């Protein structure tokens, strides 16, 4: 289980490179799963924090490196 102080930023990265899904926290591999069936399209994504937490920004990058979606929610989060 990953634990962090309330005022400590963590960078989560999720890579979908079929058939492998990799989850990184602060650029270190946290978990990796291999799927044997296509899992379809990404329609929405949710985050559940145990205790407290917030999302400061989201960026989705295509396999060619182009930005597909960027949201910074109006700037830097305040603690």
N, C-alpha and C. Protein backbone atom coordinates (compact mmCIF):
# COMPACT_ATOMS: atom_id res chain seq x y z
N UNK A 1 0.84 -1.18 0.00
CA UNK A 1 0.00 0.00 0.00
C UNK A 1 0.88 1.24 0.00
N UNK A 2 0.56 2.19 -0.86
CA UNK A 2 1.31 3.42 -0.96
C UNK A 2 0.72 4.45 0.00
N UNK A 3 1.56 5.05 0.81
CA UNK A 3 1.11 6.09 1.72
C UNK A 3 1.92 7.33 1.49
N UNK A 4 1.27 8.49 1.62
CA UNK A 4 1.96 9.76 1.44
C UNK A 4 1.42 10.77 2.45
N UNK A 5 2.23 11.74 2.77
CA UNK A 5 1.77 12.83 3.63
C UNK A 5 0.76 13.67 2.86
N UNK A 6 -0.15 14.28 3.57
CA UNK A 6 -1.23 15.04 2.96
C UNK A 6 -0.73 16.15 2.03
N UNK A 7 0.36 16.78 2.36
CA UNK A 7 0.87 17.89 1.55
C UNK A 7 1.95 17.47 0.57
N UNK A 8 2.05 16.17 0.30
CA UNK A 8 3.06 15.63 -0.59
C UNK A 8 2.43 15.27 -1.93
N UNK A 9 2.92 15.85 -3.01
CA UNK A 9 2.42 15.51 -4.34
C UNK A 9 2.97 14.17 -4.79
N UNK A 10 2.13 13.38 -5.44
CA UNK A 10 2.54 12.13 -6.06
C UNK A 10 2.10 12.19 -7.52
N UNK A 11 2.93 11.72 -8.42
CA UNK A 11 2.59 11.68 -9.84
C UNK A 11 2.24 10.24 -10.20
N UNK A 12 0.99 10.04 -10.63
CA UNK A 12 0.51 8.73 -11.05
C UNK A 12 0.49 8.71 -12.57
N UNK A 13 1.02 7.66 -13.15
CA UNK A 13 0.99 7.49 -14.61
C UNK A 13 0.44 6.11 -14.91
N UNK A 14 -0.54 6.07 -15.79
CA UNK A 14 -1.14 4.81 -16.21
C UNK A 14 -0.87 4.65 -17.69
N UNK A 15 -0.19 3.58 -18.07
CA UNK A 15 0.13 3.32 -19.47
C UNK A 15 -0.69 2.14 -19.97
N UNK A 16 -1.40 2.34 -21.07
CA UNK A 16 -2.14 1.27 -21.73
C UNK A 16 -1.39 0.96 -23.02
N UNK A 17 -0.66 -0.10 -23.03
CA UNK A 17 0.03 -0.59 -24.23
C UNK A 17 -0.36 -2.04 -24.39
N UNK A 18 -1.51 -2.22 -25.07
CA UNK A 18 -2.12 -3.55 -25.18
C UNK A 18 -1.08 -4.59 -25.54
N UNK A 19 -1.03 -5.68 -24.80
CA UNK A 19 -1.95 -6.14 -23.78
C UNK A 19 -1.54 -5.79 -22.34
N UNK A 20 -0.62 -4.85 -22.16
CA UNK A 20 -0.09 -4.57 -20.82
C UNK A 20 -0.57 -3.21 -20.33
N UNK A 21 -1.03 -3.18 -19.07
CA UNK A 21 -1.38 -1.94 -18.38
C UNK A 21 -0.40 -1.79 -17.23
N UNK A 22 0.30 -0.66 -17.19
CA UNK A 22 1.29 -0.41 -16.15
C UNK A 22 0.90 0.83 -15.36
N UNK A 23 1.07 0.77 -14.04
CA UNK A 23 0.79 1.90 -13.17
C UNK A 23 2.10 2.31 -12.51
N UNK A 24 2.43 3.59 -12.64
CA UNK A 24 3.65 4.14 -12.07
C UNK A 24 3.29 5.20 -11.03
N UNK A 25 4.04 5.25 -9.96
CA UNK A 25 3.91 6.31 -8.97
C UNK A 25 5.28 6.95 -8.84
N UNK A 26 5.33 8.24 -9.13
CA UNK A 26 6.61 8.98 -9.14
C UNK A 26 7.66 8.26 -10.00
N UNK A 27 7.24 7.83 -11.19
CA UNK A 27 8.09 7.19 -12.18
C UNK A 27 8.64 5.82 -11.77
N UNK A 28 8.10 5.22 -10.72
CA UNK A 28 8.49 3.87 -10.33
C UNK A 28 7.31 2.94 -10.56
N UNK A 29 7.56 1.80 -11.21
CA UNK A 29 6.51 0.85 -11.50
C UNK A 29 5.89 0.35 -10.20
N UNK A 30 4.57 0.50 -10.08
CA UNK A 30 3.83 0.09 -8.89
C UNK A 30 3.10 -1.23 -9.13
N UNK A 31 2.48 -1.36 -10.31
CA UNK A 31 1.74 -2.57 -10.65
C UNK A 31 1.66 -2.71 -12.16
N UNK A 32 1.61 -3.96 -12.62
CA UNK A 32 1.51 -4.22 -14.06
C UNK A 32 0.62 -5.43 -14.27
N UNK A 33 -0.32 -5.33 -15.22
CA UNK A 33 -1.23 -6.42 -15.53
C UNK A 33 -1.23 -6.68 -17.02
N UNK A 34 -1.40 -7.94 -17.40
CA UNK A 34 -1.51 -8.32 -18.81
C UNK A 34 -2.93 -8.80 -19.06
N UNK A 35 -3.54 -8.28 -20.13
CA UNK A 35 -4.90 -8.65 -20.49
C UNK A 35 -4.87 -9.51 -21.74
N UNK A 36 -5.69 -10.55 -21.75
CA UNK A 36 -5.74 -11.46 -22.90
C UNK A 36 -6.87 -11.12 -23.85
N UNK A 37 -7.80 -10.25 -23.42
CA UNK A 37 -8.91 -9.82 -24.26
C UNK A 37 -8.87 -8.30 -24.37
N UNK A 38 -9.26 -7.75 -25.53
CA UNK A 38 -9.34 -6.29 -25.63
C UNK A 38 -10.30 -5.74 -24.57
N UNK A 39 -9.94 -4.64 -23.95
CA UNK A 39 -10.83 -4.08 -22.93
C UNK A 39 -11.60 -2.88 -23.45
N UNK A 40 -11.62 -2.64 -24.75
CA UNK A 40 -12.50 -1.63 -25.35
C UNK A 40 -11.96 -0.23 -25.30
N UNK A 41 -12.87 0.73 -25.26
CA UNK A 41 -12.53 2.14 -25.29
C UNK A 41 -12.59 2.75 -23.89
N UNK A 42 -11.86 3.82 -23.71
CA UNK A 42 -11.86 4.54 -22.45
C UNK A 42 -12.94 5.62 -22.53
N UNK A 43 -13.97 5.48 -21.71
CA UNK A 43 -15.07 6.45 -21.71
C UNK A 43 -14.99 7.40 -20.53
N UNK A 44 -14.60 6.90 -19.37
CA UNK A 44 -14.42 7.75 -18.21
C UNK A 44 -13.46 7.08 -17.25
N UNK A 45 -12.87 7.89 -16.40
CA UNK A 45 -11.90 7.40 -15.44
C UNK A 45 -12.23 8.02 -14.09
N UNK A 46 -12.13 7.25 -13.04
CA UNK A 46 -12.40 7.77 -11.71
C UNK A 46 -11.26 7.46 -10.77
N UNK A 47 -11.15 8.27 -9.74
CA UNK A 47 -10.13 8.08 -8.73
C UNK A 47 -10.79 8.01 -7.36
N UNK A 48 -10.40 7.04 -6.56
CA UNK A 48 -10.92 6.91 -5.21
C UNK A 48 -9.74 7.03 -4.26
N UNK A 49 -9.83 7.97 -3.34
CA UNK A 49 -8.77 8.18 -2.37
C UNK A 49 -9.25 7.70 -1.01
N UNK A 50 -8.43 6.91 -0.36
CA UNK A 50 -8.74 6.47 0.99
C UNK A 50 -8.28 7.57 1.94
N UNK A 51 -9.20 8.15 2.66
CA UNK A 51 -8.87 9.27 3.53
C UNK A 51 -9.11 10.57 2.80
N UNK A 52 -8.07 11.14 2.22
CA UNK A 52 -8.24 12.38 1.47
C UNK A 52 -7.29 12.37 0.28
N UNK A 53 -7.57 13.23 -0.66
CA UNK A 53 -6.73 13.34 -1.85
C UNK A 53 -7.40 14.22 -2.87
N UNK A 54 -6.64 14.64 -3.86
CA UNK A 54 -7.18 15.45 -4.93
C UNK A 54 -6.35 15.24 -6.18
N UNK A 55 -6.95 15.54 -7.31
CA UNK A 55 -6.26 15.46 -8.59
C UNK A 55 -5.97 16.89 -9.04
N UNK A 56 -4.70 17.19 -9.32
CA UNK A 56 -4.31 18.53 -9.73
C UNK A 56 -4.36 18.69 -11.25
N UNK A 57 -3.94 17.67 -11.99
CA UNK A 57 -4.00 17.74 -13.45
C UNK A 57 -4.06 16.35 -14.05
N UNK A 58 -4.57 16.29 -15.29
CA UNK A 58 -4.67 15.04 -16.04
C UNK A 58 -4.16 15.31 -17.45
N UNK A 59 -3.38 14.39 -17.96
CA UNK A 59 -2.91 14.50 -19.35
C UNK A 59 -3.00 13.11 -19.98
N UNK A 60 -3.63 13.03 -21.15
CA UNK A 60 -3.70 11.78 -21.90
C UNK A 60 -2.89 11.97 -23.17
N UNK A 61 -1.92 11.10 -23.39
CA UNK A 61 -1.01 11.19 -24.53
C UNK A 61 -1.20 9.97 -25.41
N UNK A 62 -1.34 10.18 -26.71
CA UNK A 62 -1.48 9.09 -27.66
C UNK A 62 -0.18 8.36 -27.89
N UNK A 63 -0.25 7.22 -28.55
CA UNK A 63 0.95 6.40 -28.74
C UNK A 63 2.00 7.07 -29.60
N UNK A 64 1.63 8.09 -30.39
CA UNK A 64 2.62 8.82 -31.18
C UNK A 64 3.21 10.00 -30.41
N UNK A 65 2.78 10.17 -29.14
CA UNK A 65 3.33 11.23 -28.31
C UNK A 65 2.53 12.52 -28.31
N UNK A 66 1.44 12.58 -29.08
CA UNK A 66 0.62 13.79 -29.12
C UNK A 66 -0.35 13.83 -27.94
N UNK A 67 -0.62 15.04 -27.44
CA UNK A 67 -1.55 15.21 -26.33
C UNK A 67 -2.98 15.08 -26.85
N UNK A 68 -3.73 14.14 -26.29
CA UNK A 68 -5.11 13.92 -26.67
C UNK A 68 -6.07 14.69 -25.77
N UNK A 69 -5.67 14.88 -24.51
CA UNK A 69 -6.53 15.56 -23.54
C UNK A 69 -5.65 16.14 -22.45
N UNK A 70 -5.92 17.39 -22.07
CA UNK A 70 -5.20 18.02 -20.96
C UNK A 70 -6.21 18.80 -20.12
N UNK A 71 -6.14 18.62 -18.81
CA UNK A 71 -7.01 19.37 -17.89
C UNK A 71 -6.19 19.71 -16.66
N UNK A 72 -6.07 21.01 -16.36
CA UNK A 72 -5.33 21.41 -15.16
C UNK A 72 -6.25 22.00 -14.09
N UNK A 73 -7.55 21.93 -14.30
CA UNK A 73 -8.55 22.35 -13.31
C UNK A 73 -8.32 23.77 -12.83
N UNK A 74 -7.86 24.64 -13.71
CA UNK A 74 -7.72 26.06 -13.37
C UNK A 74 -6.44 26.44 -12.68
N UNK A 75 -5.46 25.58 -12.64
CA UNK A 75 -4.19 25.95 -12.03
C UNK A 75 -3.79 25.03 -10.90
N UNK A 76 -2.78 25.44 -10.16
CA UNK A 76 -2.21 24.63 -9.07
C UNK A 76 -3.21 24.48 -7.93
N UNK A 77 -3.28 23.27 -7.40
CA UNK A 77 -4.17 22.98 -6.26
C UNK A 77 -3.65 23.67 -5.00
N UNK A 78 -4.54 24.11 -4.18
CA UNK A 78 -4.19 24.73 -2.90
C UNK A 78 -4.47 23.72 -1.78
N UNK A 79 -3.57 23.63 -0.82
CA UNK A 79 -3.74 22.69 0.29
C UNK A 79 -4.43 23.38 1.43
